[in-house]
């Protein structure tokens, strides 16, 4: 079996580490790691998935993992990567966000044993004088001002940076000390944008206790096709919460990944072995139009987040919209997913095909509708239709809806009123 350091390197999970060699952190004594999560929203987003998969590799290798919900630091907000001061969230919202994220984390860890903590438990009652004497004394303002994100904020005359956000790094370092002393934590992990804060904690613990602890970060995912931070679609953030991003939308996000990103995402966003990934990529290369690689990626990640049942529904709806149009076996839940996935149009029995094509927006006029029908470009529930006068009947709606397509990509779900 490969050493953990080899697995992390081969999958592209390694950015920086504070030890002389990565193996000192990964392949020696079993460590206790912690990852901090900022509860600024009531759901994790897709760009955060990588962190949980990395931690699963550590767990499988016998290391211990602490997931720290920032219920205390979330009252301030991490200023890193932000051009302006974050709005302060109400305490009850921070608590609710933390609870929602904790529930998602349990699903992502796949049943593996981990420790869930919330830094509000020790930060909310931390005396200010004690904090300034025991923590603030060990931090140089001169050094903190050299941080890129702080320099950028200071240059912004209109926004600047408040003392509240400026103190975030000190609270994060205090968290590391607390977890080191109470839970034996000796490695803090995070994305590469957290390196400065994590190293500050490493130095703080060394000065405070003389103990050696470690920092480990991974590269942030960047969409090679767009150059943008991974997890942002053209419209919005892709969330893990099914109420914010439906399982079908989530599945489609992965299905639409560009070929140039495919290998990296299979390595970093799934638990598939490298042999399985290599075989999948080889199959994908033989016929890229079939998008075997994207289908595998979408199936694996959607199953990880939403479970096998929701993934199967998303796949079934996707096939109906963009391939096989058989909807006779759809369940009520699958029908609802289909209706949310495509534009819908309500009609009455007896409506003609030409009228419905125009009304559903699949043709701009009856003349164009006739043209599409003559060209055999229209199908209803998977069957080609050519008669403009064909009337819709109850039998066209086996589950209360029908699927009307013009060409391969223009789809409308018809609902019988």
Protein backbone atom coordinates (compact mmCIF):
# COMPACT_ATOMS: atom_id res chain seq x y z
CA UNK A 1 0.00 0.00 0.00
CA UNK A 2 1.30 3.44 -0.95
CA UNK A 3 2.39 5.85 1.76
CA UNK A 4 -0.01 8.72 2.45
CA UNK A 5 2.59 11.26 1.28
CA UNK A 6 2.71 9.53 -2.13
CA UNK A 7 -1.09 9.51 -2.43
CA UNK A 8 -1.33 13.21 -1.59
CA UNK A 9 1.42 14.15 -4.05
CA UNK A 10 0.07 12.01 -6.89
CA UNK A 11 -3.41 13.47 -6.52
CA UNK A 12 -2.07 17.04 -6.51
CA UNK A 13 -3.14 17.77 -2.95
CA UNK A 14 0.14 19.32 -1.73
CA UNK A 15 0.89 23.06 -1.79
CA UNK A 16 2.96 23.94 1.30
CA UNK A 17 3.97 22.30 4.57
CA UNK A 18 6.00 23.57 7.52
CA UNK A 19 8.11 20.44 8.10
CA UNK A 20 11.36 19.81 6.22
CA UNK A 21 9.73 16.86 4.48
CA UNK A 22 6.06 16.08 3.94
CA UNK A 23 6.66 12.55 5.23
CA UNK A 24 7.33 13.98 8.70
CA UNK A 25 3.67 14.99 8.88
CA UNK A 26 2.05 12.14 6.97
CA UNK A 27 4.08 8.94 7.26
CA UNK A 28 5.46 8.96 10.79
CA UNK A 29 3.48 8.98 14.06
CA UNK A 30 -0.29 9.24 13.62
CA UNK A 31 -1.33 12.88 13.88
CA UNK A 32 -4.42 14.79 14.96
CA UNK A 33 -5.39 17.33 12.30
CA UNK A 34 -7.89 20.12 12.34
CA UNK A 35 -9.74 21.96 9.61
CA UNK A 36 -11.64 25.15 10.40
CA UNK A 37 -14.90 25.95 8.62
CA UNK A 38 -16.27 29.50 8.56
CA UNK A 39 -20.09 29.36 8.98
CA UNK A 40 -20.73 32.43 6.83
CA UNK A 41 -23.44 30.52 4.91
CA UNK A 42 -25.84 27.72 5.78
CA UNK A 43 -24.19 25.35 3.32
CA UNK A 44 -20.79 24.29 2.12
CA UNK A 45 -20.08 25.05 -1.53
CA UNK A 46 -18.55 22.78 -4.10
CA UNK A 47 -15.08 24.32 -3.88
CA UNK A 48 -14.83 23.09 -0.28
CA UNK A 49 -15.31 19.43 -1.21
CA UNK A 50 -11.61 18.92 -1.85
CA UNK A 51 -10.80 19.55 1.82
CA UNK A 52 -13.06 16.74 3.00
CA UNK A 53 -11.64 14.26 0.51
CA UNK A 54 -8.10 15.09 1.63
CA UNK A 55 -9.12 14.53 5.24
CA UNK A 56 -10.72 11.21 4.29
CA UNK A 57 -7.33 10.06 3.03
CA UNK A 58 -5.81 11.03 6.38
CA UNK A 59 -8.59 9.18 8.23
CA UNK A 60 -8.12 6.04 6.13
CA UNK A 61 -4.42 6.14 7.01
CA UNK A 62 -5.20 6.10 10.73
CA UNK A 63 -4.86 9.79 11.58
CA UNK A 64 -7.47 11.63 13.67
CA UNK A 65 -9.45 14.56 12.31
CA UNK A 66 -11.12 17.48 14.08
CA UNK A 67 -13.62 19.58 12.15
CA UNK A 68 -13.85 22.95 13.84
CA UNK A 69 -16.96 25.00 13.15
CA UNK A 70 -16.10 28.68 13.59
CA UNK A 71 -19.08 29.65 15.70
CA UNK A 72 -16.89 32.19 17.51
CA UNK A 73 -14.66 33.41 14.68
CA UNK A 74 -17.72 33.41 12.42
CA UNK A 75 -19.05 36.30 14.48
CA UNK A 76 -16.14 38.30 13.04
CA UNK A 77 -15.56 36.74 9.63
CA UNK A 78 -12.33 35.82 7.88
CA UNK A 79 -11.10 38.91 5.98
CA UNK A 80 -8.88 36.84 3.66
CA UNK A 81 -9.76 37.16 -0.01
CA UNK A 82 -12.33 39.91 0.64
CA UNK A 83 -12.15 43.41 -0.78
CA UNK A 84 -14.48 44.89 1.82
CA UNK A 85 -15.61 44.41 5.40
CA UNK A 86 -17.98 41.51 5.84
CA UNK A 87 -21.40 42.27 7.31
CA UNK A 88 -21.65 40.92 10.85
CA UNK A 89 -24.10 38.02 11.05
CA UNK A 90 -26.60 37.72 13.92
CA UNK A 91 -25.49 35.12 16.51
CA UNK A 92 -28.53 32.92 15.87
CA UNK A 93 -27.72 32.81 12.14
CA UNK A 94 -24.10 31.83 12.82
CA UNK A 95 -25.33 29.00 15.08
CA UNK A 96 -27.86 27.78 12.51
CA UNK A 97 -25.25 27.89 9.74
CA UNK A 98 -22.85 25.87 11.87
CA UNK A 99 -25.45 23.18 12.56
CA UNK A 100 -26.28 22.87 8.86
CA UNK A 101 -22.61 22.56 7.89
CA UNK A 102 -22.00 19.95 10.60
CA UNK A 103 -24.78 17.79 9.13
CA UNK A 104 -23.25 18.04 5.65
CA UNK A 105 -19.80 17.13 6.98
CA UNK A 106 -21.06 13.83 8.38
CA UNK A 107 -22.27 12.85 4.91
CA UNK A 108 -18.98 13.87 3.27
CA UNK A 109 -16.83 11.85 5.66
CA UNK A 110 -18.71 8.74 4.59
CA UNK A 111 -19.34 7.41 8.07
CA UNK A 112 -15.70 7.72 9.16
CA UNK A 113 -15.10 8.67 12.79
CA UNK A 114 -14.12 12.30 13.35
CA UNK A 115 -14.43 14.92 16.10
CA UNK A 116 -16.79 17.85 15.65
CA UNK A 117 -16.13 20.98 17.73
CA UNK A 118 -17.25 24.62 17.76
CA UNK A 119 -14.84 27.37 18.81
CA UNK A 120 -17.72 29.40 20.24
CA UNK A 121 -17.45 27.03 23.22
CA UNK A 122 -14.17 28.66 24.30
CA UNK A 123 -14.04 31.99 22.48
CA UNK A 124 -17.36 33.46 23.58
CA UNK A 125 -16.30 33.62 27.24
CA UNK A 126 -12.62 34.45 26.70
CA UNK A 127 -11.70 37.50 28.88
CA UNK A 128 -10.35 40.38 26.80
CA UNK A 129 -7.47 41.27 29.14
CA UNK A 130 -6.36 37.64 29.31
CA UNK A 131 -6.50 37.38 25.51
CA UNK A 132 -4.43 40.53 24.97
CA UNK A 133 -1.80 39.47 27.52
CA UNK A 134 -1.56 35.77 26.63
CA UNK A 135 -2.12 35.92 22.87
CA UNK A 136 -1.75 39.47 21.53
CA UNK A 137 1.65 39.84 23.19
CA UNK A 138 3.09 37.20 20.85
CA UNK A 139 2.02 38.87 17.59
CA UNK A 140 3.91 41.66 15.84
CA UNK A 141 1.72 44.22 14.12
CA UNK A 142 4.67 44.95 11.81
CA UNK A 143 4.63 41.34 10.60
CA UNK A 144 0.86 41.24 10.23
CA UNK A 145 0.93 44.37 8.07
CA UNK A 146 3.09 42.50 5.56
CA UNK A 147 0.28 40.08 4.74
CA UNK A 148 -0.89 40.64 1.17
CA UNK A 149 -4.60 40.79 1.93
CA UNK A 150 -4.05 43.30 4.75
CA UNK A 151 -1.84 45.49 2.54
CA UNK A 152 -4.50 45.39 -0.17
CA UNK A 153 -7.23 46.39 2.26
CA UNK A 154 -5.17 49.22 3.75
CA UNK A 155 -4.58 50.61 0.24
CA UNK A 156 -8.34 50.75 -0.23
CA UNK A 157 -8.99 54.13 1.39
CA UNK A 158 -12.77 53.77 1.28
CA UNK A 159 -12.92 50.33 2.89
CA UNK A 160 -9.69 49.72 4.83
CA UNK A 161 -9.76 47.01 7.50
CA UNK A 162 -11.32 47.17 10.94
CA UNK A 163 -9.63 46.06 14.15
CA UNK A 164 -12.29 43.34 14.33
CA UNK A 165 -11.16 41.65 11.12
CA UNK A 166 -7.51 42.46 11.82
CA UNK A 167 -7.75 40.33 14.98
CA UNK A 168 -9.09 37.25 13.14
CA UNK A 169 -5.62 35.69 12.74
CA UNK A 170 -5.03 35.91 16.50
CA UNK A 171 -8.26 34.07 17.24
CA UNK A 172 -7.36 31.37 14.71
CA UNK A 173 -3.95 30.94 16.34
CA UNK A 174 -5.63 30.70 19.75
CA UNK A 175 -7.90 27.96 18.38
CA UNK A 176 -4.82 25.97 17.35
CA UNK A 177 -3.30 26.37 20.82
CA UNK A 178 -6.55 25.32 22.49
CA UNK A 179 -6.89 22.21 20.30
CA UNK A 180 -3.22 21.36 20.82
CA UNK A 181 -3.51 21.52 24.59
CA UNK A 182 -6.97 19.96 24.95
CA UNK A 183 -7.10 17.50 22.03
CA UNK A 184 -3.47 16.79 21.16
CA UNK A 185 -3.85 18.47 17.77
CA UNK A 186 -0.51 18.89 15.99
CA UNK A 187 -1.44 19.70 12.37
CA UNK A 188 -3.65 22.48 11.05
CA UNK A 189 -4.72 22.11 7.43
CA UNK A 190 -6.42 24.39 4.92
CA UNK A 191 -6.38 25.87 1.44
CA UNK A 192 -3.30 27.74 0.26
CA UNK A 193 -4.99 31.08 1.03
CA UNK A 194 -4.86 30.14 4.73
CA UNK A 195 -1.09 29.57 4.85
CA UNK A 196 -0.26 32.85 6.62
CA UNK A 197 -2.85 32.35 9.36
CA UNK A 198 -1.87 28.71 9.92
CA UNK A 199 1.86 29.45 10.12
CA UNK A 200 1.10 32.22 12.62
CA UNK A 201 -0.53 29.58 14.80
CA UNK A 202 2.47 27.26 14.44
CA UNK A 203 4.85 30.05 15.54
CA UNK A 204 2.53 31.10 18.37
CA UNK A 205 2.44 27.58 19.83
CA UNK A 206 6.22 27.26 19.56
CA UNK A 207 6.73 30.56 21.40
CA UNK A 208 4.05 29.80 23.97
CA UNK A 209 4.81 26.14 24.75
CA UNK A 210 8.02 25.19 22.97
CA UNK A 211 6.14 22.41 21.15
CA UNK A 212 6.52 21.62 17.46
CA UNK A 213 3.29 21.58 15.50
CA UNK A 214 2.71 21.69 11.76
CA UNK A 215 0.96 23.46 8.90
CA UNK A 216 -0.24 21.79 5.70
CA UNK A 217 -2.08 23.41 2.78
CA UNK A 218 -3.40 22.32 -0.60
CA UNK A 219 -3.74 24.28 -3.87
CA UNK A 220 -6.99 26.10 -4.51
CA UNK A 221 -8.83 24.66 -7.49
CA UNK A 222 -8.92 26.91 -10.54
CA UNK A 223 -11.05 26.25 -13.61
CA UNK A 224 -8.41 26.05 -16.36
CA UNK A 225 -10.92 26.98 -19.05
CA UNK A 226 -12.07 30.20 -17.36
CA UNK A 227 -9.22 31.02 -14.98
CA UNK A 228 -11.78 31.54 -12.22
CA UNK A 229 -11.87 30.03 -8.75
CA UNK A 230 -13.53 26.63 -8.86
CA UNK A 231 -17.10 26.31 -7.63
CA UNK A 232 -18.50 29.44 -9.24
CA UNK A 233 -20.78 28.94 -12.22
CA UNK A 234 -21.71 31.75 -14.59
CA UNK A 235 -24.92 32.26 -12.65
CA UNK A 236 -24.09 31.52 -9.04
CA UNK A 237 -22.24 29.47 -6.46
CA UNK A 238 -22.80 25.70 -6.60
CA UNK A 239 -23.96 24.66 -3.13
CA UNK A 240 -24.12 21.27 -1.42
CA UNK A 241 -27.52 22.02 0.12
CA UNK A 242 -30.18 20.48 -2.19
CA UNK A 243 -32.51 23.41 -1.47
CA UNK A 244 -29.92 25.88 -2.82
CA UNK A 245 -28.58 23.75 -5.69
CA UNK A 246 -30.79 20.80 -6.61
CA UNK A 247 -29.20 17.34 -7.04
CA UNK A 248 -29.98 17.59 -10.77
CA UNK A 249 -28.27 20.99 -11.09
CA UNK A 250 -25.36 19.65 -9.06
CA UNK A 251 -25.08 16.61 -11.35
CA UNK A 252 -25.23 18.81 -14.44
CA UNK A 253 -22.46 21.06 -13.08
CA UNK A 254 -20.08 18.08 -13.09
CA UNK A 255 -21.42 16.69 -16.36
CA UNK A 256 -20.48 19.98 -18.05
CA UNK A 257 -16.86 19.99 -16.88
CA UNK A 258 -14.41 20.71 -19.71
CA UNK A 259 -12.08 17.92 -20.86
CA UNK A 260 -9.00 19.88 -19.79
CA UNK A 261 -10.18 19.81 -16.14
CA UNK A 262 -11.38 16.21 -16.14
CA UNK A 263 -8.29 14.37 -14.90
CA UNK A 264 -7.61 16.86 -12.10
CA UNK A 265 -11.19 16.76 -10.85
CA UNK A 266 -11.35 12.95 -10.92
CA UNK A 267 -8.16 12.84 -8.85
CA UNK A 268 -9.10 15.59 -6.42
CA UNK A 269 -12.88 15.34 -6.12
CA UNK A 270 -13.49 11.58 -5.97
CA UNK A 271 -12.21 8.64 -3.93
CA UNK A 272 -11.66 6.53 -7.05
CA UNK A 273 -8.29 4.79 -7.24
CA UNK A 274 -5.73 6.05 -9.71
CA UNK A 275 -6.11 2.81 -11.67
CA UNK A 276 -9.87 3.39 -11.98
CA UNK A 277 -9.29 6.98 -13.06
CA UNK A 278 -6.72 5.96 -15.68
CA UNK A 279 -9.11 3.36 -17.11
CA UNK A 280 -11.94 5.90 -17.22
CA UNK A 281 -9.80 8.48 -19.00
CA UNK A 282 -8.68 5.89 -21.56
CA UNK A 283 -12.32 5.03 -22.29
CA UNK A 284 -13.14 8.73 -22.49
CA UNK A 285 -10.39 9.36 -25.07
CA UNK A 286 -11.80 6.72 -27.43
CA UNK A 287 -15.01 8.70 -27.93
CA UNK A 288 -15.04 12.11 -26.27
CA UNK A 289 -18.53 12.88 -27.55
CA UNK A 290 -19.93 10.21 -25.22
CA UNK A 291 -18.39 12.08 -22.24
CA UNK A 292 -17.70 8.89 -20.27
CA UNK A 293 -15.31 10.76 -17.99
CA UNK A 294 -17.80 13.50 -17.15
CA UNK A 295 -20.54 10.94 -16.50
CA UNK A 296 -18.31 9.07 -14.06
CA UNK A 297 -17.26 12.31 -12.34
CA UNK A 298 -20.85 13.52 -12.02
CA UNK A 299 -22.02 10.17 -10.66
CA UNK A 300 -19.23 9.87 -8.09
CA UNK A 301 -19.41 13.40 -6.70
CA UNK A 302 -23.22 13.58 -6.66
CA UNK A 303 -23.33 10.25 -4.82
CA UNK A 304 -20.78 11.55 -2.32
CA UNK A 305 -22.89 14.62 -1.57
CA UNK A 306 -26.50 13.54 -2.15
CA UNK A 307 -26.43 9.75 -1.97
CA UNK A 308 -27.00 7.02 -4.56
CA UNK A 309 -30.80 7.40 -4.72
CA UNK A 310 -30.79 11.11 -5.62
CA UNK A 311 -27.94 10.52 -8.06
CA UNK A 312 -29.92 7.82 -9.87
CA UNK A 313 -32.86 10.23 -10.21
CA UNK A 314 -30.59 12.97 -11.57
CA UNK A 315 -29.09 10.57 -14.11
CA UNK A 316 -32.52 9.39 -15.22
CA UNK A 317 -33.78 12.94 -15.71
CA UNK A 318 -30.59 13.87 -17.56
CA UNK A 319 -31.01 10.95 -19.96
CA UNK A 320 -34.61 11.97 -20.61
CA UNK A 321 -33.71 15.57 -21.36
CA UNK A 322 -30.62 14.98 -23.44
CA UNK A 323 -30.92 11.42 -24.73
CA UNK A 324 -33.42 8.64 -24.09
CA UNK A 325 -36.82 10.32 -23.71
CA UNK A 326 -38.80 7.51 -22.05
CA UNK A 327 -40.65 9.08 -19.12
CA UNK A 328 -43.30 6.39 -18.59
CA UNK A 329 -41.43 4.90 -15.62
CA UNK A 330 -40.86 8.22 -13.84
CA UNK A 331 -41.82 8.42 -10.18
CA UNK A 332 -43.56 11.49 -8.78
CA UNK A 333 -40.22 12.73 -7.35
CA UNK A 334 -38.43 12.22 -10.67
CA UNK A 335 -41.24 14.05 -12.45
CA UNK A 336 -40.85 17.01 -10.11
CA UNK A 337 -37.10 17.00 -10.71
CA UNK A 338 -37.74 16.99 -14.46
CA UNK A 339 -40.15 19.92 -14.21
CA UNK A 340 -37.59 21.94 -12.25
CA UNK A 341 -34.81 21.04 -14.67
CA UNK A 342 -36.44 22.38 -17.85
CA UNK A 343 -38.91 25.08 -18.89
CA UNK A 344 -42.54 24.00 -18.50
CA UNK A 345 -45.76 24.94 -20.26
CA UNK A 346 -49.31 24.18 -19.17
CA UNK A 347 -51.77 23.00 -21.84
CA UNK A 348 -55.25 21.53 -22.13
CA UNK A 349 -56.23 18.31 -23.86
CA UNK A 350 -57.18 18.99 -27.48
CA UNK A 351 -54.46 21.60 -28.13
CA UNK A 352 -52.73 21.19 -31.49
CA UNK A 353 -49.05 20.39 -31.91
CA UNK A 354 -48.32 23.60 -33.87
CA UNK A 355 -50.01 25.79 -31.25
CA UNK A 356 -48.15 24.09 -28.41
CA UNK A 357 -44.77 24.42 -30.15
CA UNK A 358 -45.32 28.17 -30.43
CA UNK A 359 -46.77 28.54 -26.94
CA UNK A 360 -43.92 26.54 -25.38
CA UNK A 361 -41.34 28.73 -27.09
CA UNK A 362 -39.98 25.92 -29.27
CA UNK A 363 -41.06 27.75 -32.45
CA UNK A 364 -41.49 31.46 -33.11
CA UNK A 365 -44.53 31.03 -35.35
CA UNK A 366 -46.86 28.38 -36.75
CA UNK A 367 -44.97 28.62 -40.02
CA UNK A 368 -41.71 27.79 -38.24
CA UNK A 369 -43.48 25.05 -36.27
CA UNK A 370 -44.61 23.43 -39.54
CA UNK A 371 -41.04 23.64 -40.85
CA UNK A 372 -39.64 21.85 -37.77
CA UNK A 373 -42.34 19.18 -38.04
CA UNK A 374 -41.64 18.65 -41.75
CA UNK A 375 -37.93 18.27 -40.96
CA UNK A 376 -38.77 15.61 -38.33
CA UNK A 377 -37.05 17.76 -35.71
CA UNK A 378 -39.87 17.44 -33.16
CA UNK A 379 -40.52 14.53 -30.84
CA UNK A 380 -43.00 13.91 -28.07
CA UNK A 381 -42.01 11.49 -25.31
CA UNK A 382 -39.30 10.09 -27.57
CA UNK A 383 -41.41 9.64 -30.71
CA UNK A 384 -41.05 11.80 -33.84
CA UNK A 385 -44.10 13.94 -34.65
CA UNK A 386 -44.81 15.41 -38.10
CA UNK A 387 -48.53 16.33 -37.98
CA UNK A 388 -49.12 19.99 -37.11
CA UNK A 389 -52.80 19.27 -36.37
CA UNK A 390 -52.09 16.38 -34.01
CA UNK A 391 -54.07 16.99 -30.83
CA UNK A 392 -52.83 16.25 -27.35
CA UNK A 393 -54.80 13.67 -25.35
CA UNK A 394 -54.69 12.40 -21.78
CA UNK A 395 -52.65 9.39 -22.94
CA UNK A 396 -49.75 11.73 -23.83
CA UNK A 397 -49.35 12.51 -20.11
CA UNK A 398 -48.63 9.17 -18.39
CA UNK A 399 -47.51 10.89 -15.19
CA UNK A 400 -49.31 14.18 -15.59
CA UNK A 401 -46.61 15.62 -17.84
CA UNK A 402 -45.05 15.09 -21.27
CA UNK A 403 -41.66 15.86 -22.77
CA UNK A 404 -41.61 17.87 -25.99
CA UNK A 405 -38.31 18.39 -27.80
CA UNK A 406 -37.22 20.33 -30.85
CA UNK A 407 -33.80 19.19 -31.95
CA UNK A 408 -31.40 17.86 -29.32
CA UNK A 409 -31.19 20.75 -26.88
CA UNK A 410 -34.55 22.55 -26.97
CA UNK A 411 -36.80 20.94 -24.39
CA UNK A 412 -40.07 21.77 -22.66
CA UNK A 413 -42.01 19.85 -20.03
CA UNK A 414 -45.72 19.97 -20.85
CA UNK A 415 -48.13 19.87 -17.94
CA UNK A 416 -51.77 18.87 -18.42
CA UNK A 417 -54.11 21.41 -16.83
